[in-house]
């Protein structure tokens, strides 16, 4: 079970005598989210366009591949059973 230790290492034997673990306040949670988002390296517009284009081309190729396989298998089954 995951517990919030705020950076402190807690051994298994030390947990028995403690009261309920401290909860993170909503304000602290939001501050932590903002701090993590500041660490993110956001892509530039050109990188974003490139990544989107590559993804769409890959999806189109996979659709064509699956459709082609489906058509070939359909023709094979029709040939076999008619």
PDB file of N, CA and C in Angstrom:
ATOM      1  N   UNK A   1       0.836  -1.173   0.000  1.00  0.00           N
ATOM      2  CA  UNK A   1       0.000   0.000   0.000  1.00  0.00           C
ATOM      3  C   UNK A   1       0.881   1.235   0.000  1.00  0.00           C
ATOM      4  N   UNK A   2       0.582   2.154  -0.860  1.00  0.00           N
ATOM      5  CA  UNK A   2       1.383   3.375  -0.964  1.00  0.00           C
ATOM      6  C   UNK A   2       0.955   4.375   0.101  1.00  0.00           C
ATOM      7  N   UNK A   3       1.931   4.970   0.734  1.00  0.00           N
ATOM      8  CA  UNK A   3       1.638   6.001   1.731  1.00  0.00           C
ATOM      9  C   UNK A   3       2.432   7.252   1.392  1.00  0.00           C
ATOM     10  N   UNK A   4       1.947   8.384   1.801  1.00  0.00           N
ATOM     11  CA  UNK A   4       2.606   9.658   1.562  1.00  0.00           C
ATOM     12  C   UNK A   4       3.578   9.904   2.701  1.00  0.00           C
ATOM     13  N   UNK A   5       4.889   9.899   2.389  1.00  0.00           N
ATOM     14  CA  UNK A   5       5.882  10.060   3.447  1.00  0.00           C
ATOM     15  C   UNK A   5       6.580  11.411   3.375  1.00  0.00           C
ATOM     16  N   UNK A   6       6.255  12.227   2.357  1.00  0.00           N
ATOM     17  CA  UNK A   6       6.877  13.552   2.187  1.00  0.00           C
ATOM     18  C   UNK A   6       8.392  13.453   2.167  1.00  0.00           C
ATOM     19  N   UNK A   7       8.926  12.452   1.423  1.00  0.00           N
ATOM     20  CA  UNK A   7      10.357  12.335   1.246  1.00  0.00           C
ATOM     21  C   UNK A   7      11.072  11.567   2.343  1.00  0.00           C
ATOM     22  N   UNK A   8      10.389  11.139   3.380  1.00  0.00           N
ATOM     23  CA  UNK A   8      11.029  10.402   4.453  1.00  0.00           C
ATOM     24  C   UNK A   8      10.899   8.918   4.181  1.00  0.00           C
ATOM     25  N   UNK A   9      11.934   8.178   4.514  1.00  0.00           N
ATOM     26  CA  UNK A   9      11.906   6.741   4.353  1.00  0.00           C
ATOM     27  C   UNK A   9      11.330   6.126   5.624  1.00  0.00           C
ATOM     28  N   UNK A  10      10.310   5.279   5.479  1.00  0.00           N
ATOM     29  CA  UNK A  10       9.668   4.667   6.632  1.00  0.00           C
ATOM     30  C   UNK A  10       9.860   3.166   6.542  1.00  0.00           C
ATOM     31  N   UNK A  11      10.436   2.594   7.572  1.00  0.00           N
ATOM     32  CA  UNK A  11      10.611   1.147   7.624  1.00  0.00           C
ATOM     33  C   UNK A  11       9.282   0.502   7.997  1.00  0.00           C
ATOM     34  N   UNK A  12       9.119  -0.788   7.647  1.00  0.00           N
ATOM     35  CA  UNK A  12       7.854  -1.461   7.916  1.00  0.00           C
ATOM     36  C   UNK A  12       7.554  -1.532   9.409  1.00  0.00           C
ATOM     37  N   UNK A  13       8.526  -1.726  10.213  1.00  0.00           N
ATOM     38  CA  UNK A  13       8.309  -1.845  11.650  1.00  0.00           C
ATOM     39  C   UNK A  13       7.925  -0.534  12.311  1.00  0.00           C
ATOM     40  N   UNK A  14       8.264   0.591  11.696  1.00  0.00           N
ATOM     41  CA  UNK A  14       7.983   1.902  12.279  1.00  0.00           C
ATOM     42  C   UNK A  14       6.531   2.326  12.110  1.00  0.00           C
ATOM     43  N   UNK A  15       5.784   1.700  11.230  1.00  0.00           N
ATOM     44  CA  UNK A  15       4.416   2.127  10.932  1.00  0.00           C
ATOM     45  C   UNK A  15       3.438   1.784  12.050  1.00  0.00           C
ATOM     46  N   UNK A  16       3.709   0.767  12.843  1.00  0.00           N
ATOM     47  CA  UNK A  16       2.735   0.261  13.815  1.00  0.00           C
ATOM     48  C   UNK A  16       2.363   1.271  14.884  1.00  0.00           C
ATOM     49  N   UNK A  17       3.297   2.019  15.395  1.00  0.00           N
ATOM     50  CA  UNK A  17       3.020   2.927  16.488  1.00  0.00           C
ATOM     51  C   UNK A  17       2.486   4.286  16.056  1.00  0.00           C
ATOM     52  N   UNK A  18       2.452   4.564  14.776  1.00  0.00           N
ATOM     53  CA  UNK A  18       2.038   5.880  14.299  1.00  0.00           C
ATOM     54  C   UNK A  18       0.534   5.978  14.153  1.00  0.00           C
ATOM     55  N   UNK A  19       0.044   7.203  14.237  1.00  0.00           N
ATOM     56  CA  UNK A  19      -1.366   7.453  13.955  1.00  0.00           C
ATOM     57  C   UNK A  19      -1.553   7.507  12.443  1.00  0.00           C
ATOM     58  N   UNK A  20      -2.742   7.869  11.991  1.00  0.00           N
ATOM     59  CA  UNK A  20      -3.039   7.922  10.558  1.00  0.00           C
ATOM     60  C   UNK A  20      -2.055   8.855   9.858  1.00  0.00           C
ATOM     61  N   UNK A  21      -1.679   8.496   8.622  1.00  0.00           N
ATOM     62  CA  UNK A  21      -0.711   9.301   7.884  1.00  0.00           C
ATOM     63  C   UNK A  21      -1.318  10.657   7.514  1.00  0.00           C
ATOM     64  N   UNK A  22      -0.443  11.654   7.359  1.00  0.00           N
ATOM     65  CA  UNK A  22      -0.907  12.997   7.020  1.00  0.00           C
ATOM     66  C   UNK A  22      -1.378  13.020   5.567  1.00  0.00           C
ATOM     67  N   UNK A  23      -2.436  13.765   5.307  1.00  0.00           N
ATOM     68  CA  UNK A  23      -2.967  13.898   3.962  1.00  0.00           C
ATOM     69  C   UNK A  23      -2.459  15.199   3.353  1.00  0.00           C
ATOM     70  N   UNK A  24      -2.324  15.197   2.053  1.00  0.00           N
ATOM     71  CA  UNK A  24      -1.911  16.394   1.334  1.00  0.00           C
ATOM     72  C   UNK A  24      -3.113  17.300   1.157  1.00  0.00           C
ATOM     73  N   UNK A  25      -2.935  18.575   1.463  1.00  0.00           N
ATOM     74  CA  UNK A  25      -4.038  19.521   1.310  1.00  0.00           C
ATOM     75  C   UNK A  25      -4.272  19.796  -0.175  1.00  0.00           C
ATOM     76  N   UNK A  26      -5.485  20.182  -0.542  1.00  0.00           N
ATOM     77  CA  UNK A  26      -5.758  20.495  -1.953  1.00  0.00           C
ATOM     78  C   UNK A  26      -4.849  21.600  -2.500  1.00  0.00           C
ATOM     79  N   UNK A  27      -4.554  22.602  -1.692  1.00  0.00           N
ATOM     80  CA  UNK A  27      -3.691  23.696  -2.148  1.00  0.00           C
ATOM     81  C   UNK A  27      -2.273  23.186  -2.449  1.00  0.00           C
ATOM     82  N   UNK A  28      -1.745  22.336  -1.564  1.00  0.00           N
ATOM     83  CA  UNK A  28      -0.418  21.763  -1.787  1.00  0.00           C
ATOM     84  C   UNK A  28      -0.431  20.877  -3.032  1.00  0.00           C
ATOM     85  N   UNK A  29      -1.499  20.129  -3.216  1.00  0.00           N
ATOM     86  CA  UNK A  29      -1.639  19.262  -4.379  1.00  0.00           C
ATOM     87  C   UNK A  29      -1.579  20.075  -5.671  1.00  0.00           C
ATOM     88  N   UNK A  30      -2.308  21.187  -5.722  1.00  0.00           N
ATOM     89  CA  UNK A  30      -2.312  22.052  -6.904  1.00  0.00           C
ATOM     90  C   UNK A  30      -0.928  22.655  -7.124  1.00  0.00           C
ATOM     91  N   UNK A  31      -0.258  23.091  -6.056  1.00  0.00           N
ATOM     92  CA  UNK A  31       1.087  23.649  -6.193  1.00  0.00           C
ATOM     93  C   UNK A  31       2.054  22.604  -6.737  1.00  0.00           C
ATOM     94  N   UNK A  32       1.904  21.355  -6.298  1.00  0.00           N
ATOM     95  CA  UNK A  32       2.767  20.286  -6.801  1.00  0.00           C
ATOM     96  C   UNK A  32       2.503  20.010  -8.275  1.00  0.00           C
ATOM     97  N   UNK A  33       1.239  20.067  -8.676  1.00  0.00           N
ATOM     98  CA  UNK A  33       0.902  19.868 -10.083  1.00  0.00           C
ATOM     99  C   UNK A  33       1.532  20.961 -10.933  1.00  0.00           C
ATOM    100  N   UNK A  34       1.394  22.205 -10.509  1.00  0.00           N
ATOM    101  CA  UNK A  34       1.961  23.332 -11.257  1.00  0.00           C
ATOM    102  C   UNK A  34       3.484  23.195 -11.337  1.00  0.00           C
ATOM    103  N   UNK A  35       4.111  22.790 -10.250  1.00  0.00           N
ATOM    104  CA  UNK A  35       5.568  22.616 -10.247  1.00  0.00           C
ATOM    105  C   UNK A  35       5.988  21.517 -11.224  1.00  0.00           C
ATOM    106  N   UNK A  36       5.233  20.421 -11.288  1.00  0.00           N
ATOM    107  CA  UNK A  36       5.561  19.346 -12.217  1.00  0.00           C
ATOM    108  C   UNK A  36       5.339  19.775 -13.661  1.00  0.00           C
ATOM    109  N   UNK A  37       4.284  20.548 -13.920  1.00  0.00           N
ATOM    110  CA  UNK A  37       4.020  21.000 -15.281  1.00  0.00           C
ATOM    111  C   UNK A  37       5.095  21.967 -15.765  1.00  0.00           C
ATOM    112  N   UNK A  38       5.707  22.698 -14.850  1.00  0.00           N
ATOM    113  CA  UNK A  38       6.790  23.614 -15.245  1.00  0.00           C
ATOM    114  C   UNK A  38       8.035  22.840 -15.683  1.00  0.00           C
ATOM    115  N   UNK A  39       8.186  21.597 -15.214  1.00  0.00           N
ATOM    116  CA  UNK A  39       9.338  20.773 -15.580  1.00  0.00           C
ATOM    117  C   UNK A  39       9.185  20.165 -16.971  1.00  0.00           C
ATOM    118  N   UNK A  40       7.972  20.140 -17.488  1.00  0.00           N
ATOM    119  CA  UNK A  40       7.717  19.505 -18.773  1.00  0.00           C
ATOM    120  C   UNK A  40       8.335  20.330 -19.888  1.00  0.00           C
ATOM    121  N   UNK A  41       8.978  19.647 -20.826  1.00  0.00           N
ATOM    122  CA  UNK A  41       9.516  20.317 -22.012  1.00  0.00           C
ATOM    123  C   UNK A  41       8.439  20.215 -23.080  1.00  0.00           C
ATOM    124  N   UNK A  42       7.748  21.322 -23.333  1.00  0.00           N
ATOM    125  CA  UNK A  42       6.641  21.329 -24.276  1.00  0.00           C
ATOM    126  C   UNK A  42       7.193  21.395 -25.694  1.00  0.00           C
ATOM    127  N   UNK A  43       6.580  20.662 -26.639  1.00  0.00           N
ATOM    128  CA  UNK A  43       7.066  20.704 -28.020  1.00  0.00           C
ATOM    129  C   UNK A  43       6.742  22.041 -28.686  1.00  0.00           C
ATOM    130  N   UNK A  44       7.585  22.404 -29.635  1.00  0.00           N
ATOM    131  CA  UNK A  44       7.313  23.611 -30.408  1.00  0.00           C
ATOM    132  C   UNK A  44       6.185  23.307 -31.394  1.00  0.00           C
ATOM    133  N   UNK A  45       5.670  24.338 -32.041  1.00  0.00           N
ATOM    134  CA  UNK A  45       4.573  24.141 -32.996  1.00  0.00           C
ATOM    135  C   UNK A  45       5.005  23.227 -34.140  1.00  0.00           C
ATOM    136  N   UNK A  46       6.220  23.411 -34.650  1.00  0.00           N
ATOM    137  CA  UNK A  46       6.690  22.576 -35.767  1.00  0.00           C
ATOM    138  C   UNK A  46       6.853  21.117 -35.331  1.00  0.00           C
ATOM    139  N   UNK A  47       7.358  20.897 -34.113  1.00  0.00           N
ATOM    140  CA  UNK A  47       7.474  19.530 -33.602  1.00  0.00           C
ATOM    141  C   UNK A  47       6.096  18.898 -33.448  1.00  0.00           C
ATOM    142  N   UNK A  48       5.151  19.670 -32.957  1.00  0.00           N
ATOM    143  CA  UNK A  48       3.799  19.168 -32.760  1.00  0.00           C
ATOM    144  C   UNK A  48       3.161  18.783 -34.093  1.00  0.00           C
ATOM    145  N   UNK A  49       3.354  19.627 -35.114  1.00  0.00           N
ATOM    146  CA  UNK A  49       2.821  19.311 -36.443  1.00  0.00           C
ATOM    147  C   UNK A  49       3.486  18.048 -36.985  1.00  0.00           C
ATOM    148  N   UNK A  50       4.795  17.920 -36.798  1.00  0.00           N
ATOM    149  CA  UNK A  50       5.509  16.729 -37.259  1.00  0.00           C
ATOM    150  C   UNK A  50       5.001  15.477 -36.565  1.00  0.00           C
ATOM    151  N   UNK A  51       4.880  15.516 -35.250  1.00  0.00           N
ATOM    152  CA  UNK A  51       4.413  14.349 -34.496  1.00  0.00           C
ATOM    153  C   UNK A  51       2.998  13.959 -34.900  1.00  0.00           C
ATOM    154  N   UNK A  52       2.144  14.958 -35.099  1.00  0.00           N
ATOM    155  CA  UNK A  52       0.761  14.693 -35.496  1.00  0.00           C
ATOM    156  C   UNK A  52       0.706  14.073 -36.883  1.00  0.00           C
ATOM    157  N   UNK A  53       1.496  14.610 -37.806  1.00  0.00           N
ATOM    158  CA  UNK A  53       1.525  14.080 -39.165  1.00  0.00           C
ATOM    159  C   UNK A  53       2.023  12.637 -39.182  1.00  0.00           C
ATOM    160  N   UNK A  54       3.090  12.370 -38.464  1.00  0.00           N
ATOM    161  CA  UNK A  54       3.627  11.007 -38.402  1.00  0.00           C
ATOM    162  C   UNK A  54       2.589  10.056 -37.822  1.00  0.00           C
ATOM    163  N   UNK A  55       1.900  10.472 -36.781  1.00  0.00           N
ATOM    164  CA  UNK A  55       0.883   9.619 -36.159  1.00  0.00           C
ATOM    165  C   UNK A  55      -0.263   9.339 -37.118  1.00  0.00           C
ATOM    166  N   UNK A  56      -0.747  10.358 -37.823  1.00  0.00           N
ATOM    167  CA  UNK A  56      -1.858  10.168 -38.755  1.00  0.00           C
ATOM    168  C   UNK A  56      -1.461   9.291 -39.936  1.00  0.00           C
ATOM    169  N   UNK A  57      -0.240   9.469 -40.450  1.00  0.00           N
ATOM    170  CA  UNK A  57       0.241   8.621 -41.541  1.00  0.00           C
ATOM    171  C   UNK A  57       0.341   7.170 -41.077  1.00  0.00           C
ATOM    172  N   UNK A  58       0.862   6.948 -39.889  1.00  0.00           N
ATOM    173  CA  UNK A  58       0.968   5.586 -39.355  1.00  0.00           C
ATOM    174  C   UNK A  58      -0.412   4.946 -39.211  1.00  0.00           C
ATOM    175  N   UNK A  59      -1.369   5.684 -38.688  1.00  0.00           N
ATOM    176  CA  UNK A  59      -2.728   5.158 -38.535  1.00  0.00           C
ATOM    177  C   UNK A  59      -3.324   4.838 -39.898  1.00  0.00           C
ATOM    178  N   UNK A  60      -3.117   5.694 -40.883  1.00  0.00           N
ATOM    179  CA  UNK A  60      -3.636   5.449 -42.238  1.00  0.00           C
ATOM    180  C   UNK A  60      -3.016   4.186 -42.830  1.00  0.00           C
ATOM    181  N   UNK A  61      -1.718   3.992 -42.640  1.00  0.00           N
ATOM    182  CA  UNK A  61      -1.050   2.788 -43.143  1.00  0.00           C
ATOM    183  C   UNK A  61      -1.612   1.546 -42.463  1.00  0.00           C
ATOM    184  N   UNK A  62      -1.817   1.615 -41.149  1.00  0.00           N
ATOM    185  CA  UNK A  62      -2.354   0.455 -40.428  1.00  0.00           C
ATOM    186  C   UNK A  62      -3.789   0.151 -40.862  1.00  0.00           C
ATOM    187  N   UNK A  63      -4.590   1.173 -41.111  1.00  0.00           N
ATOM    188  CA  UNK A  63      -5.962   0.961 -41.599  1.00  0.00           C
ATOM    189  C   UNK A  63      -5.924   0.280 -42.957  1.00  0.00           C
ATOM    190  N   UNK A  64      -5.045   0.744 -43.853  1.00  0.00           N
ATOM    191  CA  UNK A  64      -4.919   0.138 -45.177  1.00  0.00           C
ATOM    192  C   UNK A  64      -4.466  -1.319 -45.076  1.00  0.00           C
ATOM    193  N   UNK A  65      -3.516  -1.591 -44.195  1.00  0.00           N
ATOM    194  CA  UNK A  65      -3.011  -2.947 -44.018  1.00  0.00           C
ATOM    195  C   UNK A  65      -4.110  -3.880 -43.511  1.00  0.00           C
ATOM    196  N   UNK A  66      -4.826  -3.471 -42.488  1.00  0.00           N
ATOM    197  CA  UNK A  66      -5.888  -4.306 -41.923  1.00  0.00           C
ATOM    198  C   UNK A  66      -7.029  -4.467 -42.917  1.00  0.00           C
ATOM    199  N   UNK A  67      -7.376  -3.408 -43.632  1.00  0.00           N
ATOM    200  CA  UNK A  67      -8.435  -3.503 -44.631  1.00  0.00           C
ATOM    201  C   UNK A  67      -8.037  -4.451 -45.758  1.00  0.00           C
ATOM    202  N   UNK A  68      -6.793  -4.353 -46.209  1.00  0.00           N
ATOM    203  CA  UNK A  68      -6.302  -5.254 -47.254  1.00  0.00           C
ATOM    204  C   UNK A  68      -6.317  -6.709 -46.804  1.00  0.00           C
ATOM    205  N   UNK A  69      -5.855  -6.951 -45.602  1.00  0.00           N
ATOM    206  CA  UNK A  69      -5.890  -8.318 -45.064  1.00  0.00           C
ATOM    207  C   UNK A  69      -7.320  -8.830 -44.943  1.00  0.00           C
ATOM    208  N   UNK A  70      -8.212  -7.993 -44.514  1.00  0.00           N
ATOM    209  CA  UNK A  70      -9.617  -8.374 -44.385  1.00  0.00           C
ATOM    210  C   UNK A  70     -10.200  -8.731 -45.746  1.00  0.00           C
ATOM    211  N   UNK A  71      -9.885  -7.918 -46.757  1.00  0.00           N
ATOM    212  CA  UNK A  71     -10.393  -8.175 -48.103  1.00  0.00           C
ATOM    213  C   UNK A  71      -9.855  -9.493 -48.651  1.00  0.00           C
ATOM    214  N   UNK A  72      -8.538  -9.733 -48.476  1.00  0.00           N
ATOM    215  CA  UNK A  72      -7.925 -10.977 -48.960  1.00  0.00           C
ATOM    216  C   UNK A  72      -8.535 -12.179 -48.251  1.00  0.00           C
ATOM    217  N   UNK A  73      -8.684 -12.107 -46.954  1.00  0.00           N
ATOM    218  CA  UNK A  73      -9.267 -13.236 -46.209  1.00  0.00           C
ATOM    219  C   UNK A  73     -10.732 -13.449 -46.595  1.00  0.00           C
ATOM    220  N   UNK A  74     -11.458 -12.372 -46.817  1.00  0.00           N
ATOM    221  CA  UNK A  74     -12.855 -12.490 -47.245  1.00  0.00           C
ATOM    222  C   UNK A  74     -12.941 -13.206 -48.587  1.00  0.00           C
ATOM    223  N   UNK A  75     -12.120 -12.811 -49.543  1.00  0.00           N
ATOM    224  CA  UNK A  75     -12.116 -13.457 -50.859  1.00  0.00           C
ATOM    225  C   UNK A  75     -11.721 -14.926 -50.730  1.00  0.00           C
ATOM    226  N   UNK A  76     -10.755 -15.211 -49.868  1.00  0.00           N
ATOM    227  CA  UNK A  76     -10.335 -16.606 -49.646  1.00  0.00           C
ATOM    228  C   UNK A  76     -11.437 -17.450 -49.059  1.00  0.00           C
ATOM    229  N   UNK A  77     -12.167 -16.932 -48.099  1.00  0.00           N
ATOM    230  CA  UNK A  77     -13.255 -17.680 -47.475  1.00  0.00           C
ATOM    231  C   UNK A  77     -14.389 -17.873 -48.464  1.00  0.00           C
ATOM    232  N   UNK A  78     -14.729 -16.829 -49.238  1.00  0.00           N
ATOM    233  CA  UNK A  78     -15.784 -16.973 -50.241  1.00  0.00           C
ATOM    234  C   UNK A  78     -15.405 -17.996 -51.305  1.00  0.00           C
ATOM    235  N   UNK A  79     -14.138 -17.983 -51.727  1.00  0.00           N
ATOM    236  CA  UNK A  79     -13.672 -18.959 -52.713  1.00  0.00           C
ATOM    237  C   UNK A  79     -13.753 -20.384 -52.149  1.00  0.00           C
ATOM    238  N   UNK A  80     -13.384 -20.523 -50.879  1.00  0.00           N
ATOM    239  CA  UNK A  80     -13.346 -21.847 -50.243  1.00  0.00           C
ATOM    240  C   UNK A  80     -14.746 -22.428 -50.042  1.00  0.00           C
ATOM    241  N   UNK A  81     -15.707 -21.609 -49.665  1.00  0.00           N
ATOM    242  CA  UNK A  81     -17.024 -22.118 -49.309  1.00  0.00           C
ATOM    243  C   UNK A  81     -18.093 -21.923 -50.389  1.00  0.00           C
ATOM    244  N   UNK A  82     -17.768 -21.395 -51.570  1.00  0.00           N
ATOM    245  CA  UNK A  82     -18.794 -21.262 -52.615  1.00  0.00           C
ATOM    246  C   UNK A  82     -18.465 -22.103 -53.810  1.00  0.00           C
TER     247      UNK A  82
END
